[in-house]
Amino acid sequence: MAVALAILLTGCAATMGAGDAGCASYAEARLARPPAETVAEVPPDWADWIADLDDRMTGTCR
């Protein structure tokens, strides 16, 4: 799980936010997230939720 989340979190935020305020805000927030290496410190249920949220937001905002 940690590897999958780390892969998701390495995506480029610059590809998001083309004209949508929500997507631009999400792209900006992704720039401030902690390093992917720290995902091991996140409880598994939270890591799953974060990965799902990031996947949905990234897919919506491309």
C-alpha atoms as a PDB file:
ATOM      1  CA  MET A   1       0.000   0.000   0.000  1.00  0.00           C
ATOM      2  CA  ALA A   2       2.748   2.438   0.898  1.00  0.00           C
ATOM      3  CA  VAL A   3       4.390   1.923  -2.486  1.00  0.00           C
ATOM      4  CA  ALA A   4       1.122   2.557  -4.333  1.00  0.00           C
ATOM      5  CA  LEU A   5       0.515   5.735  -2.363  1.00  0.00           C
ATOM      6  CA  ALA A   6       4.076   6.903  -2.891  1.00  0.00           C
ATOM      7  CA  ILE A   7       3.690   6.402  -6.646  1.00  0.00           C
ATOM      8  CA  LEU A   8       0.465   8.409  -6.667  1.00  0.00           C
ATOM      9  CA  LEU A   9       2.017  11.191  -4.661  1.00  0.00           C
ATOM     10  CA  THR A  10       4.903  11.644  -7.090  1.00  0.00           C
ATOM     11  CA  GLY A  11       2.585  12.894  -9.876  1.00  0.00           C
ATOM     12  CA  CYS A  12       3.192  16.363 -11.199  1.00  0.00           C
ATOM     13  CA  ALA A  13       0.745  18.914  -9.805  1.00  0.00           C
ATOM     14  CA  ALA A  14       1.573  21.245 -12.679  1.00  0.00           C
ATOM     15  CA  THR A  15      -0.563  19.134 -15.026  1.00  0.00           C
ATOM     16  CA  MET A  16      -3.709  20.068 -13.109  1.00  0.00           C
ATOM     17  CA  GLY A  17      -5.704  23.221 -12.736  1.00  0.00           C
ATOM     18  CA  ALA A  18      -6.335  24.293 -16.312  1.00  0.00           C
ATOM     19  CA  GLY A  19      -8.988  26.910 -15.600  1.00  0.00           C
ATOM     20  CA  ASP A  20     -10.879  25.251 -12.744  1.00  0.00           C
ATOM     21  CA  ALA A  21     -10.556  26.971  -9.368  1.00  0.00           C
ATOM     22  CA  GLY A  22     -10.993  23.713  -7.430  1.00  0.00           C
ATOM     23  CA  CYS A  23      -8.355  21.964  -9.502  1.00  0.00           C
ATOM     24  CA  ALA A  24      -5.964  24.886  -9.190  1.00  0.00           C
ATOM     25  CA  SER A  25      -6.441  24.859  -5.427  1.00  0.00           C
ATOM     26  CA  TYR A  26      -5.849  21.107  -5.265  1.00  0.00           C
ATOM     27  CA  ALA A  27      -2.712  21.397  -7.408  1.00  0.00           C
ATOM     28  CA  GLU A  28      -1.409  24.099  -5.066  1.00  0.00           C
ATOM     29  CA  ALA A  29      -2.172  21.972  -1.997  1.00  0.00           C
ATOM     30  CA  ARG A  30      -0.339  18.978  -3.496  1.00  0.00           C
ATOM     31  CA  LEU A  31       2.838  21.089  -3.687  1.00  0.00           C
ATOM     32  CA  ALA A  32       2.786  21.460   0.116  1.00  0.00           C
ATOM     33  CA  ARG A  33       2.221  17.803   0.982  1.00  0.00           C
ATOM     34  CA  PRO A  34       4.812  15.925   3.044  1.00  0.00           C
ATOM     35  CA  PRO A  35       7.428  13.779   1.282  1.00  0.00           C
ATOM     36  CA  ALA A  36       6.157  10.432  -0.052  1.00  0.00           C
ATOM     37  CA  GLU A  37       8.713   8.629   2.149  1.00  0.00           C
ATOM     38  CA  THR A  38       6.665   9.565   5.218  1.00  0.00           C
ATOM     39  CA  VAL A  39       3.665   7.511   4.033  1.00  0.00           C
ATOM     40  CA  ALA A  40       4.863   4.614   6.208  1.00  0.00           C
ATOM     41  CA  GLU A  41       3.904   6.748   9.219  1.00  0.00           C
ATOM     42  CA  VAL A  42       0.247   6.999   8.090  1.00  0.00           C
ATOM     43  CA  PRO A  43      -2.250   4.385   9.359  1.00  0.00           C
ATOM     44  CA  PRO A  44      -3.326   2.014   6.527  1.00  0.00           C
ATOM     45  CA  ASP A  45      -6.975   3.156   6.458  1.00  0.00           C
ATOM     46  CA  TRP A  46      -5.899   6.771   6.105  1.00  0.00           C
ATOM     47  CA  ALA A  47      -3.296   5.883   3.463  1.00  0.00           C
ATOM     48  CA  ASP A  48      -5.989   4.089   1.430  1.00  0.00           C
ATOM     49  CA  TRP A  49      -8.332   7.072   1.705  1.00  0.00           C
ATOM     50  CA  ILE A  50      -5.611   9.566   0.779  1.00  0.00           C
ATOM     51  CA  ALA A  51      -4.593   7.483  -2.239  1.00  0.00           C
ATOM     52  CA  ASP A  52      -8.211   7.188  -3.394  1.00  0.00           C
ATOM     53  CA  LEU A  53      -8.864  10.905  -2.951  1.00  0.00           C
ATOM     54  CA  ASP A  54      -5.677  11.877  -4.772  1.00  0.00           C
ATOM     55  CA  ASP A  55      -6.441   9.460  -7.620  1.00  0.00           C
ATOM     56  CA  ARG A  56      -9.964  10.864  -8.029  1.00  0.00           C
ATOM     57  CA  MET A  57      -8.879  14.496  -7.844  1.00  0.00           C
ATOM     58  CA  THR A  58      -5.940  13.998 -10.182  1.00  0.00           C
ATOM     59  CA  GLY A  59      -8.132  12.138 -12.682  1.00  0.00           C
ATOM     60  CA  THR A  60     -10.832  14.799 -12.542  1.00  0.00           C
ATOM     61  CA  CYS A  61      -8.435  17.703 -12.912  1.00  0.00           C
ATOM     62  CA  ARG A  62      -6.248  16.510 -15.786  1.00  0.00           C
END
